[in-house]
């Protein structure tokens, strides 16, 4: 096993010049390292993946979405809204771990063995896209998120422009319905409840 300190030093050094860093590592290395860095750390195809600290507008969007979901599920005793410090374990791909920007559970959490942070039964996943991770999120992550039997909705939110991609699982679990929203007056549904897309972007300013 590679020494955890060596991995941490390598990541911190490479983040000085790169937007996203991928370091070959074992699953054990990842699980040890995830609690040692002050930002989101993920694991995909035997690599630790991190983009370091996120932008101000990224976090504004995350907080807006979290607030909307907390209000949306305020009367429900079975829904839990969580931030990006909670991870999920991909069921179909051994050793895959991601940390969605916002996560909703329905019912009691089912944790990975010997963990109280890694969840195996997400209900709704929200990712705020960044320039460095957009392609990876929409291609690799979307495909792997769909393998969760418990997952009903996947939402990708752009931070470079008003744009929301919504993927909703149909009655046939292998068929997902996709809706895209690009206008201030658009309204979308989350778990059957309607929200205004413009509320997601409250106070957000777009920058190149």
N, C-alpha and C. Protein backbone atom coordinates (compact mmCIF):
# COMPACT_ATOMS: atom_id res chain seq x y z
N UNK A 1 0.84 -1.20 0.00
CA UNK A 1 0.00 0.00 0.00
C UNK A 1 0.88 1.25 0.00
N UNK A 2 0.55 2.22 -0.83
CA UNK A 2 1.29 3.47 -0.85
C UNK A 2 1.02 4.24 0.44
N UNK A 3 2.04 4.87 1.00
CA UNK A 3 1.87 5.61 2.25
C UNK A 3 0.88 6.74 2.05
N UNK A 4 -0.06 6.89 3.02
CA UNK A 4 -1.10 7.92 2.90
C UNK A 4 -0.48 9.31 2.81
N UNK A 5 0.58 9.55 3.57
CA UNK A 5 1.22 10.86 3.54
C UNK A 5 1.76 11.18 2.16
N UNK A 6 2.34 10.20 1.49
CA UNK A 6 2.88 10.39 0.16
C UNK A 6 1.77 10.76 -0.83
N UNK A 7 0.63 10.10 -0.74
CA UNK A 7 -0.49 10.41 -1.62
C UNK A 7 -0.99 11.82 -1.36
N UNK A 8 -1.11 12.19 -0.10
CA UNK A 8 -1.58 13.52 0.24
C UNK A 8 -0.63 14.58 -0.29
N UNK A 9 0.65 14.38 -0.11
CA UNK A 9 1.63 15.34 -0.58
C UNK A 9 1.59 15.47 -2.10
N UNK A 10 1.43 14.34 -2.78
CA UNK A 10 1.36 14.36 -4.24
C UNK A 10 0.13 15.12 -4.72
N UNK A 11 -1.01 14.86 -4.09
CA UNK A 11 -2.24 15.55 -4.47
C UNK A 11 -2.11 17.06 -4.26
N UNK A 12 -1.64 17.47 -3.10
CA UNK A 12 -1.53 18.90 -2.79
C UNK A 12 -0.56 19.59 -3.73
N UNK A 13 0.52 18.91 -4.10
CA UNK A 13 1.50 19.49 -5.02
C UNK A 13 0.91 19.65 -6.42
N UNK A 14 0.22 18.61 -6.92
CA UNK A 14 -0.31 18.66 -8.27
C UNK A 14 -1.47 19.64 -8.40
N UNK A 15 -2.21 19.85 -7.31
CA UNK A 15 -3.31 20.81 -7.36
C UNK A 15 -2.83 22.25 -7.53
N UNK A 16 -1.55 22.48 -7.33
CA UNK A 16 -1.01 23.82 -7.56
C UNK A 16 -1.05 24.20 -9.03
N UNK A 17 -1.01 23.21 -9.91
CA UNK A 17 -0.93 23.49 -11.34
C UNK A 17 -2.05 22.83 -12.16
N UNK A 18 -2.87 21.98 -11.53
CA UNK A 18 -3.92 21.27 -12.24
C UNK A 18 -5.28 21.53 -11.60
N UNK A 19 -6.34 21.55 -12.44
CA UNK A 19 -7.69 21.72 -11.91
C UNK A 19 -8.23 20.44 -11.31
N UNK A 20 -7.80 19.31 -11.87
CA UNK A 20 -8.24 18.01 -11.36
C UNK A 20 -7.04 17.07 -11.33
N UNK A 21 -6.94 16.29 -10.26
CA UNK A 21 -5.80 15.40 -10.07
C UNK A 21 -6.30 13.97 -9.94
N UNK A 22 -5.66 13.05 -10.65
CA UNK A 22 -5.97 11.62 -10.57
C UNK A 22 -4.70 10.88 -10.17
N UNK A 23 -4.77 10.14 -9.06
CA UNK A 23 -3.61 9.44 -8.51
C UNK A 23 -3.93 7.95 -8.40
N UNK A 24 -3.16 7.07 -9.05
CA UNK A 24 -3.38 5.62 -8.88
C UNK A 24 -3.26 5.23 -7.41
N UNK A 25 -4.23 4.45 -6.93
CA UNK A 25 -4.23 4.07 -5.51
C UNK A 25 -5.15 2.88 -5.32
N UNK A 26 -4.96 2.20 -4.20
CA UNK A 26 -5.84 1.10 -3.84
C UNK A 26 -7.11 1.63 -3.17
N UNK A 27 -8.11 0.78 -3.06
CA UNK A 27 -9.34 1.16 -2.35
C UNK A 27 -9.02 1.49 -0.90
N UNK A 28 -8.12 0.74 -0.30
CA UNK A 28 -7.73 1.00 1.09
C UNK A 28 -7.09 2.38 1.23
N UNK A 29 -6.23 2.74 0.25
CA UNK A 29 -5.62 4.07 0.26
C UNK A 29 -6.70 5.15 0.21
N UNK A 30 -7.67 4.95 -0.67
CA UNK A 30 -8.73 5.96 -0.80
C UNK A 30 -9.50 6.13 0.50
N UNK A 31 -9.94 5.03 1.08
CA UNK A 31 -10.75 5.12 2.30
C UNK A 31 -9.97 5.78 3.43
N UNK A 32 -8.66 5.58 3.45
CA UNK A 32 -7.83 6.23 4.46
C UNK A 32 -7.66 7.72 4.15
N UNK A 33 -7.47 8.05 2.86
CA UNK A 33 -7.19 9.42 2.46
C UNK A 33 -8.43 10.32 2.49
N UNK A 34 -9.61 9.76 2.26
CA UNK A 34 -10.82 10.57 2.14
C UNK A 34 -11.08 11.42 3.37
N UNK A 35 -10.66 10.94 4.52
CA UNK A 35 -10.89 11.69 5.76
C UNK A 35 -9.74 12.64 6.09
N UNK A 36 -8.71 12.66 5.26
CA UNK A 36 -7.51 13.45 5.58
C UNK A 36 -7.39 14.73 4.76
N UNK A 37 -8.23 14.91 3.73
CA UNK A 37 -8.16 16.10 2.90
C UNK A 37 -9.38 16.98 3.14
N UNK A 38 -9.22 18.30 3.06
CA UNK A 38 -10.32 19.23 3.41
C UNK A 38 -11.28 19.50 2.28
N UNK A 39 -11.32 18.63 1.26
CA UNK A 39 -12.22 18.83 0.14
C UNK A 39 -12.65 17.47 -0.40
N UNK A 40 -13.55 17.50 -1.37
CA UNK A 40 -14.12 16.27 -1.91
C UNK A 40 -13.05 15.39 -2.56
N UNK A 41 -13.05 14.11 -2.18
CA UNK A 41 -12.12 13.14 -2.75
C UNK A 41 -12.93 11.93 -3.20
N UNK A 42 -12.76 11.51 -4.46
CA UNK A 42 -13.54 10.39 -4.99
C UNK A 42 -12.61 9.30 -5.51
N UNK A 43 -13.21 8.17 -5.87
CA UNK A 43 -12.41 7.01 -6.28
C UNK A 43 -13.08 6.35 -7.49
N UNK A 44 -12.32 6.22 -8.59
CA UNK A 44 -12.87 5.69 -9.83
C UNK A 44 -11.79 4.91 -10.57
N UNK A 45 -12.10 3.63 -10.86
CA UNK A 45 -11.20 2.78 -11.64
C UNK A 45 -9.77 2.81 -11.09
N UNK A 46 -9.67 2.57 -9.78
CA UNK A 46 -8.39 2.45 -9.08
C UNK A 46 -7.59 3.75 -9.07
N UNK A 47 -8.28 4.89 -9.11
CA UNK A 47 -7.63 6.18 -8.99
C UNK A 47 -8.37 7.07 -7.99
N UNK A 48 -7.61 7.77 -7.15
CA UNK A 48 -8.17 8.84 -6.33
C UNK A 48 -8.32 10.06 -7.21
N UNK A 49 -9.51 10.69 -7.18
CA UNK A 49 -9.79 11.85 -8.03
C UNK A 49 -10.20 13.02 -7.14
N UNK A 50 -9.57 14.16 -7.33
CA UNK A 50 -9.96 15.34 -6.58
C UNK A 50 -9.75 16.59 -7.42
N UNK A 51 -10.57 17.61 -7.17
CA UNK A 51 -10.38 18.89 -7.84
C UNK A 51 -10.11 20.01 -6.84
N UNK A 52 -9.82 19.63 -5.60
CA UNK A 52 -9.48 20.63 -4.61
C UNK A 52 -10.70 21.45 -4.19
N UNK A 53 -10.45 22.66 -3.74
CA UNK A 53 -11.53 23.52 -3.26
C UNK A 53 -12.40 23.99 -4.42
N UNK A 54 -13.71 24.10 -4.18
CA UNK A 54 -14.64 24.52 -5.23
C UNK A 54 -14.80 26.03 -5.25
N UNK A 55 -15.43 26.54 -6.32
CA UNK A 55 -15.59 27.98 -6.48
C UNK A 55 -16.70 28.52 -5.58
N UNK A 56 -16.68 29.83 -5.39
CA UNK A 56 -17.72 30.52 -4.61
C UNK A 56 -19.10 30.24 -5.19
N UNK A 57 -19.23 30.31 -6.52
CA UNK A 57 -20.55 30.14 -7.15
C UNK A 57 -21.00 28.69 -7.09
N UNK A 58 -20.06 27.77 -7.15
CA UNK A 58 -20.39 26.35 -6.97
C UNK A 58 -21.04 26.15 -5.61
N UNK A 59 -20.43 26.70 -4.57
CA UNK A 59 -20.97 26.51 -3.23
C UNK A 59 -22.28 27.26 -3.01
N UNK A 60 -22.44 28.40 -3.71
CA UNK A 60 -23.72 29.12 -3.64
C UNK A 60 -24.84 28.25 -4.20
N UNK A 61 -24.58 27.61 -5.33
CA UNK A 61 -25.56 26.71 -5.94
C UNK A 61 -25.86 25.53 -5.01
N UNK A 62 -24.83 24.95 -4.43
CA UNK A 62 -25.02 23.81 -3.52
C UNK A 62 -25.92 24.21 -2.35
N UNK A 63 -25.66 25.36 -1.76
CA UNK A 63 -26.47 25.81 -0.63
C UNK A 63 -27.90 26.12 -1.04
N UNK A 64 -28.07 26.73 -2.23
CA UNK A 64 -29.43 26.98 -2.73
C UNK A 64 -30.21 25.68 -2.88
N UNK A 65 -29.56 24.70 -3.49
CA UNK A 65 -30.23 23.41 -3.72
C UNK A 65 -30.54 22.73 -2.39
N UNK A 66 -29.58 22.74 -1.47
CA UNK A 66 -29.83 22.15 -0.17
C UNK A 66 -31.00 22.80 0.54
N UNK A 67 -31.09 24.15 0.46
CA UNK A 67 -32.19 24.87 1.11
C UNK A 67 -33.53 24.50 0.47
N UNK A 68 -33.55 24.42 -0.85
CA UNK A 68 -34.79 24.05 -1.56
C UNK A 68 -35.25 22.66 -1.13
N UNK A 69 -34.31 21.72 -1.08
CA UNK A 69 -34.66 20.34 -0.73
C UNK A 69 -35.09 20.23 0.73
N UNK A 70 -34.44 20.98 1.60
CA UNK A 70 -34.85 20.95 3.00
C UNK A 70 -36.28 21.46 3.18
N UNK A 71 -36.64 22.50 2.45
CA UNK A 71 -38.01 23.00 2.50
C UNK A 71 -38.97 22.00 1.87
N UNK A 72 -38.54 21.41 0.75
CA UNK A 72 -39.39 20.47 0.02
C UNK A 72 -39.76 19.27 0.88
N UNK A 73 -38.82 18.81 1.69
CA UNK A 73 -39.04 17.61 2.49
C UNK A 73 -39.21 17.92 3.98
N UNK A 74 -39.53 19.17 4.30
CA UNK A 74 -39.62 19.58 5.70
C UNK A 74 -40.71 18.84 6.48
N UNK A 75 -41.75 18.40 5.79
CA UNK A 75 -42.84 17.71 6.47
C UNK A 75 -42.69 16.19 6.45
N UNK A 76 -41.58 15.72 5.90
CA UNK A 76 -41.37 14.27 5.78
C UNK A 76 -40.41 13.78 6.85
N UNK A 77 -40.79 12.75 7.55
CA UNK A 77 -39.91 12.15 8.55
C UNK A 77 -39.00 11.08 7.95
N UNK A 78 -39.20 10.76 6.67
CA UNK A 78 -38.41 9.67 6.08
C UNK A 78 -37.37 10.16 5.07
N UNK A 79 -37.34 11.46 4.79
CA UNK A 79 -36.35 11.99 3.86
C UNK A 79 -35.25 12.72 4.61
N UNK A 80 -34.00 12.50 4.20
CA UNK A 80 -32.84 13.16 4.78
C UNK A 80 -32.07 13.87 3.67
N UNK A 81 -31.72 15.14 3.90
CA UNK A 81 -30.94 15.91 2.93
C UNK A 81 -29.52 16.07 3.46
N UNK A 82 -28.51 15.64 2.67
CA UNK A 82 -27.12 15.62 3.11
C UNK A 82 -26.24 16.39 2.14
N UNK A 83 -25.10 16.87 2.65
CA UNK A 83 -24.14 17.57 1.82
C UNK A 83 -23.04 16.64 1.31
N UNK A 84 -21.99 17.24 0.74
CA UNK A 84 -20.98 16.46 0.03
C UNK A 84 -19.97 15.74 0.93
N UNK A 85 -20.09 15.87 2.23
CA UNK A 85 -19.21 15.10 3.11
C UNK A 85 -19.68 13.66 3.28
N UNK A 86 -20.84 13.33 2.72
CA UNK A 86 -21.33 11.95 2.73
C UNK A 86 -21.02 11.31 1.37
N UNK A 87 -20.49 10.10 1.39
CA UNK A 87 -20.14 9.42 0.16
C UNK A 87 -21.12 8.32 -0.19
N UNK A 88 -21.06 7.88 -1.45
CA UNK A 88 -21.87 6.74 -1.89
C UNK A 88 -20.95 5.71 -2.52
N UNK A 89 -21.31 4.44 -2.36
CA UNK A 89 -20.54 3.35 -2.95
C UNK A 89 -21.31 2.81 -4.13
N UNK A 90 -20.68 2.81 -5.30
CA UNK A 90 -21.33 2.33 -6.52
C UNK A 90 -21.49 0.81 -6.43
N UNK A 91 -22.73 0.29 -6.62
CA UNK A 91 -22.95 -1.15 -6.40
C UNK A 91 -22.41 -2.05 -7.51
N UNK A 92 -22.37 -1.57 -8.76
CA UNK A 92 -21.99 -2.46 -9.86
C UNK A 92 -20.51 -2.40 -10.20
N UNK A 93 -19.79 -1.44 -9.63
CA UNK A 93 -18.40 -1.26 -9.99
C UNK A 93 -17.57 -1.31 -8.72
N UNK A 94 -16.88 -2.40 -8.54
CA UNK A 94 -16.15 -2.63 -7.29
C UNK A 94 -15.18 -1.50 -7.00
N UNK A 95 -15.23 -0.98 -5.78
CA UNK A 95 -14.27 0.04 -5.38
C UNK A 95 -14.54 1.42 -5.90
N UNK A 96 -15.78 1.73 -6.34
CA UNK A 96 -16.12 3.06 -6.82
C UNK A 96 -16.81 3.87 -5.74
N UNK A 97 -16.28 5.07 -5.43
CA UNK A 97 -16.87 5.92 -4.39
C UNK A 97 -16.96 7.35 -4.90
N UNK A 98 -18.13 7.95 -4.72
CA UNK A 98 -18.32 9.35 -5.10
C UNK A 98 -18.92 10.12 -3.94
N UNK A 99 -18.79 11.45 -4.02
CA UNK A 99 -19.33 12.33 -2.99
C UNK A 99 -20.21 13.37 -3.68
N UNK A 100 -21.49 13.07 -3.91
CA UNK A 100 -22.39 14.02 -4.58
C UNK A 100 -22.46 15.34 -3.81
N UNK A 101 -22.71 16.42 -4.56
CA UNK A 101 -22.80 17.73 -3.90
C UNK A 101 -23.97 17.80 -2.94
N UNK A 102 -25.09 17.21 -3.33
CA UNK A 102 -26.26 17.11 -2.45
C UNK A 102 -26.85 15.72 -2.63
N UNK A 103 -27.29 15.14 -1.53
CA UNK A 103 -27.79 13.77 -1.52
C UNK A 103 -29.07 13.70 -0.70
N UNK A 104 -30.08 13.01 -1.22
CA UNK A 104 -31.31 12.80 -0.47
C UNK A 104 -31.50 11.31 -0.24
N UNK A 105 -31.78 10.94 0.99
CA UNK A 105 -32.14 9.56 1.33
C UNK A 105 -33.63 9.48 1.60
N UNK A 106 -34.22 8.33 1.32
CA UNK A 106 -35.60 8.05 1.70
C UNK A 106 -35.58 6.78 2.54
N UNK A 107 -35.98 6.91 3.78
CA UNK A 107 -35.88 5.79 4.71
C UNK A 107 -34.55 5.83 5.42
N UNK A 108 -34.26 4.79 6.17
CA UNK A 108 -33.03 4.75 6.96
C UNK A 108 -31.81 4.49 6.06
N UNK A 109 -30.69 5.11 6.38
CA UNK A 109 -29.49 4.88 5.57
C UNK A 109 -28.98 3.45 5.71
N UNK A 110 -28.49 2.93 4.59
CA UNK A 110 -27.80 1.64 4.61
C UNK A 110 -26.33 1.94 4.32
N UNK A 111 -25.49 1.68 5.30
CA UNK A 111 -24.08 2.06 5.19
C UNK A 111 -23.23 0.91 4.66
N UNK A 112 -22.12 1.29 4.03
CA UNK A 112 -21.08 0.31 3.73
C UNK A 112 -20.61 -0.29 5.04
N UNK A 113 -20.22 -1.55 5.02
CA UNK A 113 -19.75 -2.21 6.24
C UNK A 113 -18.63 -1.41 6.90
N UNK A 114 -18.72 -1.27 8.20
CA UNK A 114 -17.71 -0.58 9.00
C UNK A 114 -17.59 0.92 8.69
N UNK A 115 -18.68 1.51 8.20
CA UNK A 115 -18.66 2.94 7.89
C UNK A 115 -19.95 3.59 8.37
N UNK A 116 -19.86 4.85 8.77
CA UNK A 116 -21.06 5.64 9.06
C UNK A 116 -21.13 6.85 8.14
N UNK A 117 -20.31 6.85 7.08
CA UNK A 117 -20.27 7.98 6.15
C UNK A 117 -20.58 7.58 4.71
N UNK A 118 -20.34 6.32 4.36
CA UNK A 118 -20.54 5.88 2.98
C UNK A 118 -21.87 5.14 2.87
N UNK A 119 -22.75 5.68 2.02
CA UNK A 119 -24.13 5.23 1.93
C UNK A 119 -24.33 4.42 0.66
N UNK A 120 -25.15 3.40 0.73
CA UNK A 120 -25.38 2.52 -0.43
C UNK A 120 -26.79 2.62 -0.99
N UNK A 121 -27.66 3.49 -0.40
CA UNK A 121 -29.06 3.55 -0.87
C UNK A 121 -29.54 4.99 -1.10
N UNK A 122 -28.83 5.76 -1.96
CA UNK A 122 -29.28 7.14 -2.22
C UNK A 122 -30.62 7.14 -2.96
N UNK A 123 -31.40 8.20 -2.74
CA UNK A 123 -32.71 8.35 -3.38
C UNK A 123 -32.68 9.43 -4.47
N UNK A 124 -32.02 10.54 -4.19
CA UNK A 124 -31.82 11.61 -5.17
C UNK A 124 -30.37 12.07 -5.06
N UNK A 125 -29.72 12.28 -6.20
CA UNK A 125 -28.35 12.78 -6.24
C UNK A 125 -28.32 14.05 -7.07
N UNK A 126 -27.63 15.08 -6.54
CA UNK A 126 -27.45 16.34 -7.27
C UNK A 126 -25.96 16.63 -7.39
N UNK A 127 -25.52 16.95 -8.60
CA UNK A 127 -24.14 17.36 -8.84
C UNK A 127 -24.13 18.73 -9.50
N UNK A 128 -23.34 19.65 -8.95
CA UNK A 128 -23.10 20.95 -9.59
C UNK A 128 -21.88 20.80 -10.47
N UNK A 129 -22.05 21.03 -11.76
CA UNK A 129 -20.98 20.79 -12.72
C UNK A 129 -19.93 21.89 -12.67
N UNK A 130 -18.69 21.50 -12.83
CA UNK A 130 -17.59 22.46 -12.94
C UNK A 130 -16.86 22.20 -14.25
N UNK A 131 -16.07 23.17 -14.68
CA UNK A 131 -15.33 23.04 -15.93
C UNK A 131 -14.42 21.82 -15.91
N UNK A 132 -13.81 21.57 -14.76
CA UNK A 132 -12.84 20.48 -14.67
C UNK A 132 -13.48 19.11 -14.67
N UNK A 133 -14.72 18.99 -14.18
CA UNK A 133 -15.31 17.67 -13.98
C UNK A 133 -16.57 17.41 -14.81
N UNK A 134 -16.99 18.38 -15.61
CA UNK A 134 -18.27 18.26 -16.30
C UNK A 134 -18.35 17.01 -17.17
N UNK A 135 -17.35 16.77 -17.99
CA UNK A 135 -17.38 15.60 -18.88
C UNK A 135 -17.40 14.31 -18.07
N UNK A 136 -16.57 14.24 -17.05
CA UNK A 136 -16.52 13.05 -16.20
C UNK A 136 -17.85 12.81 -15.50
N UNK A 137 -18.47 13.87 -14.98
CA UNK A 137 -19.76 13.74 -14.29
C UNK A 137 -20.84 13.22 -15.23
N UNK A 138 -20.94 13.81 -16.42
CA UNK A 138 -22.05 13.48 -17.33
C UNK A 138 -21.86 12.13 -18.00
N UNK A 139 -20.63 11.69 -18.16
CA UNK A 139 -20.40 10.41 -18.82
C UNK A 139 -20.23 9.28 -17.80
N UNK A 140 -19.11 9.27 -17.11
CA UNK A 140 -18.81 8.17 -16.19
C UNK A 140 -19.77 8.14 -15.00
N UNK A 141 -19.93 9.26 -14.31
CA UNK A 141 -20.74 9.26 -13.08
C UNK A 141 -22.21 8.95 -13.38
N UNK A 142 -22.77 9.58 -14.40
CA UNK A 142 -24.18 9.35 -14.72
C UNK A 142 -24.44 7.87 -14.94
N UNK A 143 -23.59 7.23 -15.72
CA UNK A 143 -23.74 5.81 -16.01
C UNK A 143 -23.70 4.98 -14.73
N UNK A 144 -22.77 5.30 -13.84
CA UNK A 144 -22.60 4.51 -12.63
C UNK A 144 -23.68 4.83 -11.59
N UNK A 145 -24.11 6.08 -11.51
CA UNK A 145 -25.20 6.41 -10.60
C UNK A 145 -26.46 5.62 -10.93
N UNK A 146 -26.71 5.41 -12.20
CA UNK A 146 -27.92 4.70 -12.61
C UNK A 146 -27.96 3.25 -12.13
N UNK A 147 -26.82 2.74 -11.66
CA UNK A 147 -26.79 1.35 -11.19
C UNK A 147 -27.34 1.19 -9.77
N UNK A 148 -27.61 2.31 -9.07
CA UNK A 148 -28.21 2.20 -7.74
C UNK A 148 -29.68 1.80 -7.85
N UNK A 149 -30.09 0.66 -7.31
CA UNK A 149 -31.51 0.28 -7.36
C UNK A 149 -32.41 1.27 -6.63
N UNK A 150 -31.88 1.93 -5.61
CA UNK A 150 -32.68 2.85 -4.79
C UNK A 150 -32.85 4.23 -5.42
N UNK A 151 -32.02 4.56 -6.41
CA UNK A 151 -31.97 5.93 -6.92
C UNK A 151 -33.14 6.22 -7.87
N UNK A 152 -33.82 7.34 -7.62
CA UNK A 152 -34.99 7.72 -8.43
C UNK A 152 -34.73 8.94 -9.30
N UNK A 153 -33.75 9.77 -8.94
CA UNK A 153 -33.55 11.02 -9.68
C UNK A 153 -32.10 11.46 -9.59
N UNK A 154 -31.57 11.92 -10.73
CA UNK A 154 -30.22 12.45 -10.82
C UNK A 154 -30.33 13.84 -11.45
N UNK A 155 -29.74 14.84 -10.81
CA UNK A 155 -29.85 16.21 -11.30
C UNK A 155 -28.45 16.79 -11.46
N UNK A 156 -28.15 17.31 -12.66
CA UNK A 156 -26.89 18.01 -12.91
C UNK A 156 -27.20 19.49 -13.11
N UNK A 157 -26.49 20.34 -12.39
CA UNK A 157 -26.72 21.78 -12.42
C UNK A 157 -25.46 22.49 -12.94
N UNK A 158 -25.61 23.27 -14.01
CA UNK A 158 -24.48 24.01 -14.56
C UNK A 158 -24.19 25.24 -13.72
N UNK A 159 -22.90 25.59 -13.60
CA UNK A 159 -22.57 26.85 -12.92
C UNK A 159 -22.09 27.91 -13.90
N UNK A 160 -21.91 27.55 -15.18
CA UNK A 160 -21.46 28.54 -16.16
C UNK A 160 -22.62 29.25 -16.85
N UNK A 161 -23.83 28.66 -16.75
CA UNK A 161 -25.04 29.25 -17.32
C UNK A 161 -26.24 28.59 -16.67
N UNK A 162 -27.42 29.21 -16.82
CA UNK A 162 -28.62 28.58 -16.29
C UNK A 162 -28.91 27.33 -17.10
N UNK A 163 -28.81 26.19 -16.47
CA UNK A 163 -29.02 24.93 -17.17
C UNK A 163 -29.08 23.76 -16.20
N UNK A 164 -30.17 23.02 -16.23
CA UNK A 164 -30.37 21.88 -15.33
C UNK A 164 -30.73 20.66 -16.17
N UNK A 165 -30.00 19.57 -15.98
CA UNK A 165 -30.34 18.28 -16.61
C UNK A 165 -30.95 17.38 -15.54
N UNK A 166 -32.14 16.91 -15.82
CA UNK A 166 -32.89 16.11 -14.84
C UNK A 166 -33.12 14.72 -15.42
N UNK A 167 -32.69 13.70 -14.69
CA UNK A 167 -32.89 12.31 -15.09
C UNK A 167 -33.78 11.64 -14.06
N UNK A 168 -34.91 11.14 -14.53
CA UNK A 168 -35.92 10.56 -13.65
C UNK A 168 -36.16 9.11 -14.04
N UNK A 169 -36.04 8.21 -13.08
CA UNK A 169 -36.24 6.78 -13.35
C UNK A 169 -37.72 6.51 -13.59
N UNK A 170 -38.02 5.78 -14.64
CA UNK A 170 -39.40 5.44 -14.97
C UNK A 170 -39.84 4.19 -14.21
N UNK A 171 -41.04 3.74 -14.46
CA UNK A 171 -41.53 2.52 -13.82
C UNK A 171 -40.70 1.32 -14.23
N UNK A 172 -40.15 1.37 -15.43
CA UNK A 172 -39.16 0.37 -15.85
C UNK A 172 -37.81 0.83 -15.33
N UNK A 173 -37.20 0.13 -14.37
CA UNK A 173 -35.98 0.64 -13.72
C UNK A 173 -34.81 0.85 -14.65
N UNK A 174 -34.83 0.26 -15.84
CA UNK A 174 -33.74 0.43 -16.79
C UNK A 174 -33.96 1.59 -17.75
N UNK A 175 -35.09 2.28 -17.63
CA UNK A 175 -35.39 3.41 -18.51
C UNK A 175 -35.44 4.69 -17.69
N UNK A 176 -34.62 5.66 -18.10
CA UNK A 176 -34.56 6.96 -17.44
C UNK A 176 -35.08 8.03 -18.39
N UNK A 177 -35.90 8.94 -17.87
CA UNK A 177 -36.45 10.04 -18.65
C UNK A 177 -35.63 11.29 -18.40
N UNK A 178 -35.23 11.96 -19.48
CA UNK A 178 -34.37 13.14 -19.37
C UNK A 178 -35.13 14.40 -19.76
N UNK A 179 -35.05 15.42 -18.89
CA UNK A 179 -35.59 16.75 -19.19
C UNK A 179 -34.50 17.77 -18.93
N UNK A 180 -34.37 18.76 -19.84
CA UNK A 180 -33.39 19.83 -19.66
C UNK A 180 -34.12 21.16 -19.51
N UNK A 181 -33.60 22.01 -18.63
CA UNK A 181 -34.24 23.29 -18.34
C UNK A 181 -33.21 24.41 -18.50
N UNK A 182 -33.58 25.44 -19.30
CA UNK A 182 -32.64 26.51 -19.60
C UNK A 182 -33.23 27.91 -19.42
N UNK A 183 -34.43 28.03 -18.89
CA UNK A 183 -35.09 29.32 -18.78
C UNK A 183 -35.48 29.64 -17.34
N UNK A 184 -35.48 30.93 -17.03
CA UNK A 184 -35.85 31.41 -15.70
C UNK A 184 -37.23 30.96 -15.27
N UNK A 185 -38.15 30.90 -16.24
CA UNK A 185 -39.54 30.58 -15.89
C UNK A 185 -39.85 29.09 -15.94
N UNK A 186 -38.83 28.25 -16.18
CA UNK A 186 -39.05 26.80 -16.19
C UNK A 186 -39.34 26.31 -14.77
N UNK A 187 -40.15 25.28 -14.71
CA UNK A 187 -40.43 24.62 -13.44
C UNK A 187 -40.18 23.13 -13.62
N UNK A 188 -39.59 22.52 -12.60
CA UNK A 188 -39.29 21.09 -12.69
C UNK A 188 -39.80 20.41 -11.43
N UNK A 189 -39.86 19.09 -11.50
CA UNK A 189 -40.34 18.33 -10.36
C UNK A 189 -39.19 17.56 -9.71
N UNK A 190 -39.20 17.57 -8.39
CA UNK A 190 -38.30 16.75 -7.60
C UNK A 190 -39.16 15.88 -6.70
N UNK A 191 -39.07 14.58 -6.91
CA UNK A 191 -39.89 13.63 -6.16
C UNK A 191 -41.38 14.00 -6.23
N UNK A 192 -41.82 14.43 -7.41
CA UNK A 192 -43.23 14.75 -7.62
C UNK A 192 -43.66 16.12 -7.13
N UNK A 193 -42.70 16.90 -6.57
CA UNK A 193 -43.02 18.24 -6.08
C UNK A 193 -42.39 19.27 -7.00
N UNK A 194 -43.12 20.34 -7.30
CA UNK A 194 -42.67 21.32 -8.28
C UNK A 194 -41.81 22.41 -7.65
N UNK A 195 -40.72 22.76 -8.33
CA UNK A 195 -39.89 23.88 -7.90
C UNK A 195 -39.59 24.77 -9.10
N UNK A 196 -39.25 26.03 -8.84
CA UNK A 196 -38.85 26.96 -9.90
C UNK A 196 -37.35 26.84 -10.13
N UNK A 197 -36.96 26.65 -11.38
CA UNK A 197 -35.53 26.52 -11.69
C UNK A 197 -34.78 27.79 -11.28
N UNK A 198 -35.42 28.96 -11.40
CA UNK A 198 -34.74 30.21 -11.05
C UNK A 198 -34.34 30.24 -9.58
N UNK A 199 -35.05 29.50 -8.72
CA UNK A 199 -34.70 29.48 -7.30
C UNK A 199 -33.35 28.79 -7.06
N UNK A 200 -33.01 27.85 -7.93
CA UNK A 200 -31.71 27.19 -7.83
C UNK A 200 -30.59 28.20 -8.04
N UNK A 201 -30.84 29.18 -8.92
CA UNK A 201 -29.81 30.15 -9.32
C UNK A 201 -29.93 31.49 -8.58
N UNK A 202 -30.66 31.52 -7.50
CA UNK A 202 -30.81 32.77 -6.74
C UNK A 202 -29.44 33.31 -6.32
N UNK A 203 -29.16 34.58 -6.65
CA UNK A 203 -27.94 35.31 -6.32
C UNK A 203 -26.71 34.85 -7.12
N UNK A 204 -26.85 33.87 -7.98
CA UNK A 204 -25.69 33.34 -8.71
C UNK A 204 -25.35 34.25 -9.89
N UNK A 205 -24.06 34.56 -10.05
CA UNK A 205 -23.57 35.34 -11.18
C UNK A 205 -22.68 34.43 -12.04
N UNK A 206 -22.89 34.48 -13.33
CA UNK A 206 -22.14 33.61 -14.24
C UNK A 206 -20.84 34.28 -14.66
N UNK A 207 -19.76 33.52 -14.59
CA UNK A 207 -18.45 34.02 -15.00
C UNK A 207 -17.82 33.02 -15.95
N UNK A 208 -16.95 33.49 -16.81
CA UNK A 208 -16.26 32.60 -17.76
C UNK A 208 -15.10 31.89 -17.09
